[in-house]
All heavy atoms as atom14 arrays in JSON, in Angstrom:
{
  "sequence": "AAANRADPSAGHVHDTGPELGWQLAAADVAIVDVSAMIYDRLATGK",
  "atom14_mask": [
    [1, 1, 1, 1, 1, 0, 0, 0, 0, 0, 0, 0, 0, 0],
    [1, 1, 1, 1, 1, 0, 0, 0, 0, 0, 0, 0, 0, 0],
    [1, 1, 1, 1, 1, 0, 0, 0, 0, 0, 0, 0, 0, 0],
    [1, 1, 1, 1, 1, 1, 1, 1, 0, 0, 0, 0, 0, 0],
    [1, 1, 1, 1, 1, 1, 1, 1, 1, 1, 1, 0, 0, 0],
    [1, 1, 1, 1, 1, 0, 0, 0, 0, 0, 0, 0, 0, 0],
    [1, 1, 1, 1, 1, 1, 1, 1, 0, 0, 0, 0, 0, 0],
    [1, 1, 1, 1, 1, 1, 1, 0, 0, 0, 0, 0, 0, 0],
    [1, 1, 1, 1, 1, 1, 0, 0, 0, 0, 0, 0, 0, 0],
    [1, 1, 1, 1, 1, 0, 0, 0, 0, 0, 0, 0, 0, 0],
    [1, 1, 1, 1, 0, 0, 0, 0, 0, 0, 0, 0, 0, 0],
    [1, 1, 1, 1, 1, 1, 1, 1, 1, 1, 0, 0, 0, 0],
    [1, 1, 1, 1, 1, 1, 1, 0, 0, 0, 0, 0, 0, 0],
    [1, 1, 1, 1, 1, 1, 1, 1, 1, 1, 0, 0, 0, 0],
    [1, 1, 1, 1, 1, 1, 1, 1, 0, 0, 0, 0, 0, 0],
    [1, 1, 1, 1, 1, 1, 1, 0, 0, 0, 0, 0, 0, 0],
    [1, 1, 1, 1, 0, 0, 0, 0, 0, 0, 0, 0, 0, 0],
    [1, 1, 1, 1, 1, 1, 1, 0, 0, 0, 0, 0, 0, 0],
    [1, 1, 1, 1, 1, 1, 1, 1, 1, 0, 0, 0, 0, 0],
    [1, 1, 1, 1, 1, 1, 1, 1, 0, 0, 0, 0, 0, 0],
    [1, 1, 1, 1, 0, 0, 0, 0, 0, 0, 0, 0, 0, 0],
    [1, 1, 1, 1, 1, 1, 1, 1, 1, 1, 1, 1, 1, 1],
    [1, 1, 1, 1, 1, 1, 1, 1, 1, 0, 0, 0, 0, 0],
    [1, 1, 1, 1, 1, 1, 1, 1, 0, 0, 0, 0, 0, 0],
    [1, 1, 1, 1, 1, 0, 0, 0, 0, 0, 0, 0, 0, 0],
    [1, 1, 1, 1, 1, 0, 0, 0, 0, 0, 0, 0, 0, 0],
    [1, 1, 1, 1, 1, 0, 0, 0, 0, 0, 0, 0, 0, 0],
    [1, 1, 1, 1, 1, 1, 1, 1, 0, 0, 0, 0, 0, 0],
    [1, 1, 1, 1, 1, 1, 1, 0, 0, 0, 0, 0, 0, 0],
    [1, 1, 1, 1, 1, 0, 0, 0, 0, 0, 0, 0, 0, 0],
    [1, 1, 1, 1, 1, 1, 1, 1, 0, 0, 0, 0, 0, 0],
    [1, 1, 1, 1, 1, 1, 1, 0, 0, 0, 0, 0, 0, 0],
    [1, 1, 1, 1, 1, 1, 1, 1, 0, 0, 0, 0, 0, 0],
    [1, 1, 1, 1, 1, 1, 1, 0, 0, 0, 0, 0, 0, 0],
    [1, 1, 1, 1, 1, 1, 0, 0, 0, 0, 0, 0, 0, 0],
    [1, 1, 1, 1, 1, 0, 0, 0, 0, 0, 0, 0, 0, 0],
    [1, 1, 1, 1, 1, 1, 1, 1, 0, 0, 0, 0, 0, 0],
    [1, 1, 1, 1, 1, 1, 1, 1, 0, 0, 0, 0, 0, 0],
    [1, 1, 1, 1, 1, 1, 1, 1, 1, 1, 1, 1, 0, 0],
    [1, 1, 1, 1, 1, 1, 1, 1, 0, 0, 0, 0, 0, 0],
    [1, 1, 1, 1, 1, 1, 1, 1, 1, 1, 1, 0, 0, 0],
    [1, 1, 1, 1, 1, 1, 1, 1, 0, 0, 0, 0, 0, 0],
    [1, 1, 1, 1, 1, 0, 0, 0, 0, 0, 0, 0, 0, 0],
    [1, 1, 1, 1, 1, 1, 1, 0, 0, 0, 0, 0, 0, 0],
    [1, 1, 1, 1, 0, 0, 0, 0, 0, 0, 0, 0, 0, 0],
    [1, 1, 1, 1, 1, 1, 1, 1, 1, 0, 0, 0, 0, 0]
  ],
  "atom14_positions": [
    [[56.15, 85.47, 146.69], [55.59, 84.28, 147.34], [54.86, 83.48, 146.21], [54.91, 82.26, 146.19], [54.7, 84.67, 148.44], [0.0, 0.0, 0.0], [0.0, 0.0, 0.0], [0.0, 0.0, 0.0], [0.0, 0.0, 0.0], [0.0, 0.0, 0.0], [0.0, 0.0, 0.0], [0.0, 0.0, 0.0], [0.0, 0.0, 0.0], [0.0, 0.0, 0.0]],
    [[54.1, 84.19, 145.41], [53.33, 83.56, 144.39], [54.15, 82.83, 143.35], [53.9, 81.74, 142.87], [52.39, 84.59, 143.7], [0.0, 0.0, 0.0], [0.0, 0.0, 0.0], [0.0, 0.0, 0.0], [0.0, 0.0, 0.0], [0.0, 0.0, 0.0], [0.0, 0.0, 0.0], [0.0, 0.0, 0.0], [0.0, 0.0, 0.0], [0.0, 0.0, 0.0]],
    [[55.33, 83.47, 143.0], [56.24, 82.91, 141.97], [56.95, 81.63, 142.56], [57.13, 80.65, 141.91], [57.36, 83.91, 141.64], [0.0, 0.0, 0.0], [0.0, 0.0, 0.0], [0.0, 0.0, 0.0], [0.0, 0.0, 0.0], [0.0, 0.0, 0.0], [0.0, 0.0, 0.0], [0.0, 0.0, 0.0], [0.0, 0.0, 0.0], [0.0, 0.0, 0.0]],
    [[57.21, 81.63, 143.85], [57.76, 80.43, 144.51], [56.82, 79.32, 144.61], [57.15, 78.16, 144.46], [58.4, 80.81, 145.84], [59.73, 81.49, 145.75], [60.48, 81.31, 144.76], [59.99, 82.3, 146.79], [0.0, 0.0, 0.0], [0.0, 0.0, 0.0], [0.0, 0.0, 0.0], [0.0, 0.0, 0.0], [0.0, 0.0, 0.0], [0.0, 0.0, 0.0]],
    [[55.5, 79.59, 144.82], [54.48, 78.64, 144.84], [54.32, 77.98, 143.46], [54.19, 76.72, 143.3], [53.16, 79.2, 145.31], [53.14, 79.46, 146.82], [51.71, 79.7, 147.29], [51.09, 80.87, 146.55], [51.11, 82.09, 147.05], [51.8, 82.38, 148.18], [50.54, 83.05, 146.37], [0.0, 0.0, 0.0], [0.0, 0.0, 0.0], [0.0, 0.0, 0.0]],
    [[54.37, 78.83, 142.46], [54.21, 78.31, 141.03], [55.4, 77.46, 140.66], [55.31, 76.55, 139.86], [54.06, 79.51, 140.11], [0.0, 0.0, 0.0], [0.0, 0.0, 0.0], [0.0, 0.0, 0.0], [0.0, 0.0, 0.0], [0.0, 0.0, 0.0], [0.0, 0.0, 0.0], [0.0, 0.0, 0.0], [0.0, 0.0, 0.0], [0.0, 0.0, 0.0]],
    [[56.63, 77.8, 141.09], [57.83, 77.14, 140.73], [58.78, 77.07, 141.91], [59.62, 77.98, 142.08], [58.49, 77.77, 139.52], [59.83, 77.09, 139.14], [60.08, 76.0, 139.65], [60.54, 77.63, 138.26], [0.0, 0.0, 0.0], [0.0, 0.0, 0.0], [0.0, 0.0, 0.0], [0.0, 0.0, 0.0], [0.0, 0.0, 0.0], [0.0, 0.0, 0.0]],
    [[58.67, 76.02, 142.74], [59.48, 76.0, 143.98], [60.99, 76.02, 143.64], [61.8, 76.33, 144.56], [59.01, 74.63, 144.61], [57.6, 74.46, 144.17], [57.68, 74.97, 142.72], [0.0, 0.0, 0.0], [0.0, 0.0, 0.0], [0.0, 0.0, 0.0], [0.0, 0.0, 0.0], [0.0, 0.0, 0.0], [0.0, 0.0, 0.0], [0.0, 0.0, 0.0]],
    [[61.38, 75.54, 142.48], [62.81, 75.49, 142.18], [63.4, 76.89, 141.87], [64.62, 77.06, 141.83], [63.04, 74.65, 140.96], [62.5, 75.23, 139.75], [0.0, 0.0, 0.0], [0.0, 0.0, 0.0], [0.0, 0.0, 0.0], [0.0, 0.0, 0.0], [0.0, 0.0, 0.0], [0.0, 0.0, 0.0], [0.0, 0.0, 0.0], [0.0, 0.0, 0.0]],
    [[62.5, 77.92, 141.71], [62.95, 79.21, 141.44], [63.8, 79.77, 142.58], [64.81, 80.5, 142.31], [61.8, 80.15, 141.16], [0.0, 0.0, 0.0], [0.0, 0.0, 0.0], [0.0, 0.0, 0.0], [0.0, 0.0, 0.0], [0.0, 0.0, 0.0], [0.0, 0.0, 0.0], [0.0, 0.0, 0.0], [0.0, 0.0, 0.0], [0.0, 0.0, 0.0]],
    [[63.43, 79.58, 143.8], [64.22, 79.98, 144.95], [64.36, 81.44, 145.1], [65.4, 81.9, 145.64], [0.0, 0.0, 0.0], [0.0, 0.0, 0.0], [0.0, 0.0, 0.0], [0.0, 0.0, 0.0], [0.0, 0.0, 0.0], [0.0, 0.0, 0.0], [0.0, 0.0, 0.0], [0.0, 0.0, 0.0], [0.0, 0.0, 0.0], [0.0, 0.0, 0.0]],
    [[63.34, 82.21, 144.72], [63.42, 83.66, 144.92], [63.37, 83.9, 146.43], [62.76, 83.22, 147.2], [62.23, 84.38, 144.27], [62.17, 84.13, 142.81], [63.16, 84.49, 141.93], [61.18, 83.47, 142.08], [62.77, 84.1, 140.7], [61.6, 83.5, 140.73], [0.0, 0.0, 0.0], [0.0, 0.0, 0.0], [0.0, 0.0, 0.0], [0.0, 0.0, 0.0]],
    [[64.03, 85.01, 146.92], [64.27, 85.23, 148.33], [63.8, 86.68, 148.67], [64.15, 87.64, 148.0], [65.74, 85.15, 148.69], [65.94, 85.47, 150.15], [66.31, 83.76, 148.35], [0.0, 0.0, 0.0], [0.0, 0.0, 0.0], [0.0, 0.0, 0.0], [0.0, 0.0, 0.0], [0.0, 0.0, 0.0], [0.0, 0.0, 0.0], [0.0, 0.0, 0.0]],
    [[62.89, 86.71, 149.62], [62.57, 87.98, 150.28], [63.38, 88.04, 151.56], [63.1, 87.34, 152.56], [61.07, 88.12, 150.62], [60.7, 89.24, 151.44], [59.71, 89.23, 152.44], [61.13, 90.48, 151.48], [59.65, 90.38, 153.0], [60.48, 91.2, 152.45], [0.0, 0.0, 0.0], [0.0, 0.0, 0.0], [0.0, 0.0, 0.0], [0.0, 0.0, 0.0]],
    [[64.43, 88.8, 151.54], [65.46, 88.77, 152.61], [65.23, 89.95, 153.58], [65.29, 91.1, 153.19], [66.83, 88.92, 151.98], [67.92, 89.03, 153.01], [67.77, 88.41, 154.1], [68.88, 89.84, 152.79], [0.0, 0.0, 0.0], [0.0, 0.0, 0.0], [0.0, 0.0, 0.0], [0.0, 0.0, 0.0], [0.0, 0.0, 0.0], [0.0, 0.0, 0.0]],
    [[64.93, 89.64, 154.82], [64.76, 90.66, 155.89], [65.74, 90.32, 157.05], [65.55, 90.87, 158.14], [63.33, 90.64, 156.38], [62.99, 89.37, 156.88], [62.36, 91.1, 155.28], [0.0, 0.0, 0.0], [0.0, 0.0, 0.0], [0.0, 0.0, 0.0], [0.0, 0.0, 0.0], [0.0, 0.0, 0.0], [0.0, 0.0, 0.0], [0.0, 0.0, 0.0]],
    [[66.75, 89.45, 156.8], [67.61, 89.04, 157.88], [68.55, 90.12, 158.35], [68.77, 91.12, 157.63], [0.0, 0.0, 0.0], [0.0, 0.0, 0.0], [0.0, 0.0, 0.0], [0.0, 0.0, 0.0], [0.0, 0.0, 0.0], [0.0, 0.0, 0.0], [0.0, 0.0, 0.0], [0.0, 0.0, 0.0], [0.0, 0.0, 0.0], [0.0, 0.0, 0.0]],
    [[69.13, 90.0, 159.49], [70.01, 90.99, 160.06], [71.34, 91.01, 159.37], [72.09, 92.02, 159.48], [70.08, 90.65, 161.52], [69.91, 89.16, 161.56], [68.87, 88.88, 160.41], [0.0, 0.0, 0.0], [0.0, 0.0, 0.0], [0.0, 0.0, 0.0], [0.0, 0.0, 0.0], [0.0, 0.0, 0.0], [0.0, 0.0, 0.0], [0.0, 0.0, 0.0]],
    [[71.77, 89.96, 158.76], [73.14, 89.85, 158.21], [73.16, 90.31, 156.75], [72.38, 89.89, 155.93], [73.65, 88.42, 158.29], [73.79, 87.97, 159.77], [74.42, 86.56, 159.82], [73.97, 85.67, 159.15], [75.41, 86.38, 160.62], [0.0, 0.0, 0.0], [0.0, 0.0, 0.0], [0.0, 0.0, 0.0], [0.0, 0.0, 0.0], [0.0, 0.0, 0.0]],
    [[74.19, 91.14, 156.46], [74.38, 91.57, 155.11], [75.78, 91.11, 154.64], [76.81, 91.4, 155.3], [74.37, 93.12, 155.02], [74.64, 93.72, 153.62], [73.67, 93.26, 152.61], [74.65, 95.26, 153.69], [0.0, 0.0, 0.0], [0.0, 0.0, 0.0], [0.0, 0.0, 0.0], [0.0, 0.0, 0.0], [0.0, 0.0, 0.0], [0.0, 0.0, 0.0]],
    [[75.83, 90.43, 153.56], [77.08, 89.9, 153.07], [76.88, 88.85, 152.02], [77.35, 88.92, 150.88], [0.0, 0.0, 0.0], [0.0, 0.0, 0.0], [0.0, 0.0, 0.0], [0.0, 0.0, 0.0], [0.0, 0.0, 0.0], [0.0, 0.0, 0.0], [0.0, 0.0, 0.0], [0.0, 0.0, 0.0], [0.0, 0.0, 0.0], [0.0, 0.0, 0.0]],
    [[76.17, 87.73, 152.4], [76.02, 86.66, 151.48], [75.27, 87.12, 150.23], [75.57, 86.64, 149.13], [75.26, 85.51, 152.16], [73.81, 85.81, 152.47], [73.37, 86.24, 153.68], [72.65, 85.7, 151.67], [71.96, 86.41, 153.62], [71.51, 86.09, 152.37], [72.53, 85.3, 150.29], [70.27, 86.11, 151.87], [71.24, 85.31, 149.76], [70.11, 85.72, 150.55]],
    [[74.36, 88.12, 150.37], [73.58, 88.61, 149.21], [74.55, 89.19, 148.2], [74.38, 89.08, 146.96], [72.59, 89.64, 149.71], [71.65, 89.18, 150.81], [72.28, 89.44, 152.18], [73.44, 89.61, 152.37], [71.36, 89.51, 153.2], [0.0, 0.0, 0.0], [0.0, 0.0, 0.0], [0.0, 0.0, 0.0], [0.0, 0.0, 0.0], [0.0, 0.0, 0.0]],
    [[75.5, 90.06, 148.7], [76.4, 90.73, 147.82], [77.36, 89.77, 147.12], [77.69, 89.93, 145.95], [77.24, 91.72, 148.66], [76.44, 92.86, 149.3], [77.32, 93.59, 150.35], [75.89, 93.84, 148.26], [0.0, 0.0, 0.0], [0.0, 0.0, 0.0], [0.0, 0.0, 0.0], [0.0, 0.0, 0.0], [0.0, 0.0, 0.0], [0.0, 0.0, 0.0]],
    [[77.73, 88.74, 147.83], [78.71, 87.73, 147.24], [77.95, 86.78, 146.3], [78.48, 86.4, 145.25], [79.35, 86.96, 148.37], [0.0, 0.0, 0.0], [0.0, 0.0, 0.0], [0.0, 0.0, 0.0], [0.0, 0.0, 0.0], [0.0, 0.0, 0.0], [0.0, 0.0, 0.0], [0.0, 0.0, 0.0], [0.0, 0.0, 0.0], [0.0, 0.0, 0.0]],
    [[76.72, 86.47, 146.58], [75.97, 85.5, 145.75], [75.41, 86.12, 144.46], [75.17, 85.38, 143.49], [74.82, 84.88, 146.56], [0.0, 0.0, 0.0], [0.0, 0.0, 0.0], [0.0, 0.0, 0.0], [0.0, 0.0, 0.0], [0.0, 0.0, 0.0], [0.0, 0.0, 0.0], [0.0, 0.0, 0.0], [0.0, 0.0, 0.0], [0.0, 0.0, 0.0]],
    [[75.17, 87.42, 144.46], [74.46, 88.03, 143.3], [75.46, 88.18, 142.14], [76.56, 88.7, 142.29], [73.9, 89.34, 143.69], [0.0, 0.0, 0.0], [0.0, 0.0, 0.0], [0.0, 0.0, 0.0], [0.0, 0.0, 0.0], [0.0, 0.0, 0.0], [0.0, 0.0, 0.0], [0.0, 0.0, 0.0], [0.0, 0.0, 0.0], [0.0, 0.0, 0.0]],
    [[75.02, 87.81, 140.96], [75.75, 88.05, 139.73], [75.7, 89.49, 139.34], [76.63, 89.97, 138.76], [75.26, 87.09, 138.63], [75.39, 85.64, 138.96], [76.47, 85.18, 139.17], [74.31, 84.96, 138.91], [0.0, 0.0, 0.0], [0.0, 0.0, 0.0], [0.0, 0.0, 0.0], [0.0, 0.0, 0.0], [0.0, 0.0, 0.0], [0.0, 0.0, 0.0]],
    [[74.6, 90.11, 139.64], [74.41, 91.51, 139.26], [73.42, 92.09, 140.3], [72.6, 91.35, 140.84], [73.84, 91.7, 137.87], [72.5, 91.11, 137.7], [73.85, 93.17, 137.48], [0.0, 0.0, 0.0], [0.0, 0.0, 0.0], [0.0, 0.0, 0.0], [0.0, 0.0, 0.0], [0.0, 0.0, 0.0], [0.0, 0.0, 0.0], [0.0, 0.0, 0.0]],
    [[73.58, 93.36, 140.6], [72.77, 93.98, 141.66], [72.08, 95.26, 141.06], [72.61, 95.93, 140.23], [73.57, 94.4, 142.85], [0.0, 0.0, 0.0], [0.0, 0.0, 0.0], [0.0, 0.0, 0.0], [0.0, 0.0, 0.0], [0.0, 0.0, 0.0], [0.0, 0.0, 0.0], [0.0, 0.0, 0.0], [0.0, 0.0, 0.0], [0.0, 0.0, 0.0]],
    [[70.85, 95.49, 141.62], [70.11, 96.63, 141.3], [69.92, 97.43, 142.65], [69.27, 96.9, 143.56], [68.77, 96.38, 140.67], [68.94, 95.5, 139.44], [68.02, 97.7, 140.35], [67.61, 94.98, 138.89], [0.0, 0.0, 0.0], [0.0, 0.0, 0.0], [0.0, 0.0, 0.0], [0.0, 0.0, 0.0], [0.0, 0.0, 0.0], [0.0, 0.0, 0.0]],
    [[70.43, 98.58, 142.76], [70.36, 99.3, 144.05], [69.95, 100.77, 143.79], [70.05, 101.29, 142.69], [71.76, 99.29, 144.75], [72.08, 97.85, 145.09], [72.79, 99.9, 143.96], [0.0, 0.0, 0.0], [0.0, 0.0, 0.0], [0.0, 0.0, 0.0], [0.0, 0.0, 0.0], [0.0, 0.0, 0.0], [0.0, 0.0, 0.0], [0.0, 0.0, 0.0]],
    [[69.49, 101.42, 144.82], [69.14, 102.86, 144.74], [70.38, 103.66, 145.16], [71.44, 103.14, 145.59], [68.03, 103.15, 145.74], [66.72, 102.49, 145.33], [66.59, 101.99, 144.16], [65.8, 102.44, 146.13], [0.0, 0.0, 0.0], [0.0, 0.0, 0.0], [0.0, 0.0, 0.0], [0.0, 0.0, 0.0], [0.0, 0.0, 0.0], [0.0, 0.0, 0.0]],
    [[70.19, 105.02, 145.13], [71.24, 105.89, 145.56], [71.25, 105.75, 147.12], [70.4, 106.33, 147.8], [70.94, 107.36, 145.17], [72.01, 108.32, 145.77], [70.95, 107.43, 143.66], [0.0, 0.0, 0.0], [0.0, 0.0, 0.0], [0.0, 0.0, 0.0], [0.0, 0.0, 0.0], [0.0, 0.0, 0.0], [0.0, 0.0, 0.0], [0.0, 0.0, 0.0]],
    [[72.16, 105.04, 147.61], [72.21, 104.72, 149.09], [73.59, 104.05, 149.24], [74.39, 103.85, 148.4], [71.11, 103.75, 149.45], [71.36, 102.41, 148.88], [0.0, 0.0, 0.0], [0.0, 0.0, 0.0], [0.0, 0.0, 0.0], [0.0, 0.0, 0.0], [0.0, 0.0, 0.0], [0.0, 0.0, 0.0], [0.0, 0.0, 0.0], [0.0, 0.0, 0.0]],
    [[73.81, 103.74, 150.51], [75.06, 103.08, 150.91], [75.18, 101.73, 150.25], [76.31, 101.15, 150.1], [75.17, 102.93, 152.43], [0.0, 0.0, 0.0], [0.0, 0.0, 0.0], [0.0, 0.0, 0.0], [0.0, 0.0, 0.0], [0.0, 0.0, 0.0], [0.0, 0.0, 0.0], [0.0, 0.0, 0.0], [0.0, 0.0, 0.0], [0.0, 0.0, 0.0]],
    [[74.07, 101.11, 149.82], [74.17, 99.79, 149.14], [74.98, 99.87, 147.87], [75.53, 98.84, 147.43], [72.78, 99.22, 148.89], [72.07, 98.68, 150.08], [72.9, 97.26, 150.82], [72.78, 96.08, 149.47], [0.0, 0.0, 0.0], [0.0, 0.0, 0.0], [0.0, 0.0, 0.0], [0.0, 0.0, 0.0], [0.0, 0.0, 0.0], [0.0, 0.0, 0.0]],
    [[75.0, 100.99, 147.21], [75.88, 101.13, 146.03], [77.3, 100.76, 146.37], [77.92, 99.99, 145.62], [75.83, 102.53, 145.44], [74.47, 102.88, 144.83], [76.9, 102.75, 144.43], [74.34, 104.32, 144.32], [0.0, 0.0, 0.0], [0.0, 0.0, 0.0], [0.0, 0.0, 0.0], [0.0, 0.0, 0.0], [0.0, 0.0, 0.0], [0.0, 0.0, 0.0]],
    [[77.76, 101.23, 147.48], [79.13, 101.12, 147.81], [79.46, 99.83, 148.49], [80.58, 99.28, 148.4], [79.53, 102.33, 148.68], [79.12, 103.57, 147.89], [77.86, 104.13, 148.09], [79.88, 104.15, 146.87], [77.42, 105.28, 147.32], [79.46, 105.18, 146.09], [78.28, 105.81, 146.33], [77.78, 106.82, 145.59], [0.0, 0.0, 0.0], [0.0, 0.0, 0.0]],
    [[78.4, 99.28, 149.2], [78.59, 97.89, 149.68], [78.83, 96.98, 148.48], [79.63, 96.04, 148.53], [77.35, 97.44, 150.45], [77.2, 98.2, 151.77], [78.16, 98.66, 152.29], [76.0, 98.22, 152.31], [0.0, 0.0, 0.0], [0.0, 0.0, 0.0], [0.0, 0.0, 0.0], [0.0, 0.0, 0.0], [0.0, 0.0, 0.0], [0.0, 0.0, 0.0]],
    [[78.08, 97.19, 147.44], [78.14, 96.33, 146.21], [79.4, 96.71, 145.51], [80.11, 95.76, 144.95], [76.97, 96.6, 145.34], [77.01, 95.87, 144.01], [77.07, 94.33, 144.08], [77.12, 93.66, 142.81], [77.02, 92.37, 142.57], [76.88, 91.56, 143.65], [77.08, 91.9, 141.46], [0.0, 0.0, 0.0], [0.0, 0.0, 0.0], [0.0, 0.0, 0.0]],
    [[79.78, 97.95, 145.38], [80.93, 98.38, 144.66], [82.22, 97.7, 145.19], [83.14, 97.36, 144.4], [81.1, 99.88, 144.76], [82.05, 100.59, 143.82], [81.61, 100.41, 142.37], [82.08, 102.12, 144.12], [0.0, 0.0, 0.0], [0.0, 0.0, 0.0], [0.0, 0.0, 0.0], [0.0, 0.0, 0.0], [0.0, 0.0, 0.0], [0.0, 0.0, 0.0]],
    [[82.23, 97.48, 146.47], [83.39, 96.86, 147.11], [83.61, 95.42, 146.63], [84.71, 94.89, 146.79], [83.3, 96.89, 148.68], [0.0, 0.0, 0.0], [0.0, 0.0, 0.0], [0.0, 0.0, 0.0], [0.0, 0.0, 0.0], [0.0, 0.0, 0.0], [0.0, 0.0, 0.0], [0.0, 0.0, 0.0], [0.0, 0.0, 0.0], [0.0, 0.0, 0.0]],
    [[82.56, 94.78, 146.07], [82.79, 93.37, 145.52], [83.4, 93.4, 144.11], [83.86, 92.37, 143.67], [81.4, 92.69, 145.47], [80.59, 93.23, 144.4], [80.71, 92.76, 146.77], [0.0, 0.0, 0.0], [0.0, 0.0, 0.0], [0.0, 0.0, 0.0], [0.0, 0.0, 0.0], [0.0, 0.0, 0.0], [0.0, 0.0, 0.0], [0.0, 0.0, 0.0]],
    [[83.3, 94.56, 143.42], [83.82, 94.64, 142.06], [82.95, 93.98, 141.04], [83.34, 93.77, 139.9], [0.0, 0.0, 0.0], [0.0, 0.0, 0.0], [0.0, 0.0, 0.0], [0.0, 0.0, 0.0], [0.0, 0.0, 0.0], [0.0, 0.0, 0.0], [0.0, 0.0, 0.0], [0.0, 0.0, 0.0], [0.0, 0.0, 0.0], [0.0, 0.0, 0.0]],
    [[81.68, 93.62, 141.41], [80.73, 93.0, 140.5], [79.78, 93.95, 139.88], [79.54, 95.07, 140.41], [79.98, 91.88, 141.24], [80.81, 90.68, 141.68], [79.92, 89.62, 142.36], [80.73, 88.38, 142.67], [79.82, 87.28, 143.22], [0.0, 0.0, 0.0], [0.0, 0.0, 0.0], [0.0, 0.0, 0.0], [0.0, 0.0, 0.0], [0.0, 0.0, 0.0]]
  ]
}
């Protein structure tokens, strides 16, 4: 929140929405823990 106030063009996102998908497609690179998110991301090939 502080970073976005300092630079509104940064567009950082705190995502708590119910839908999962756009995040995986939009991200150039992902950082994930040992969890199912590894494999959600792996399916994109990115």
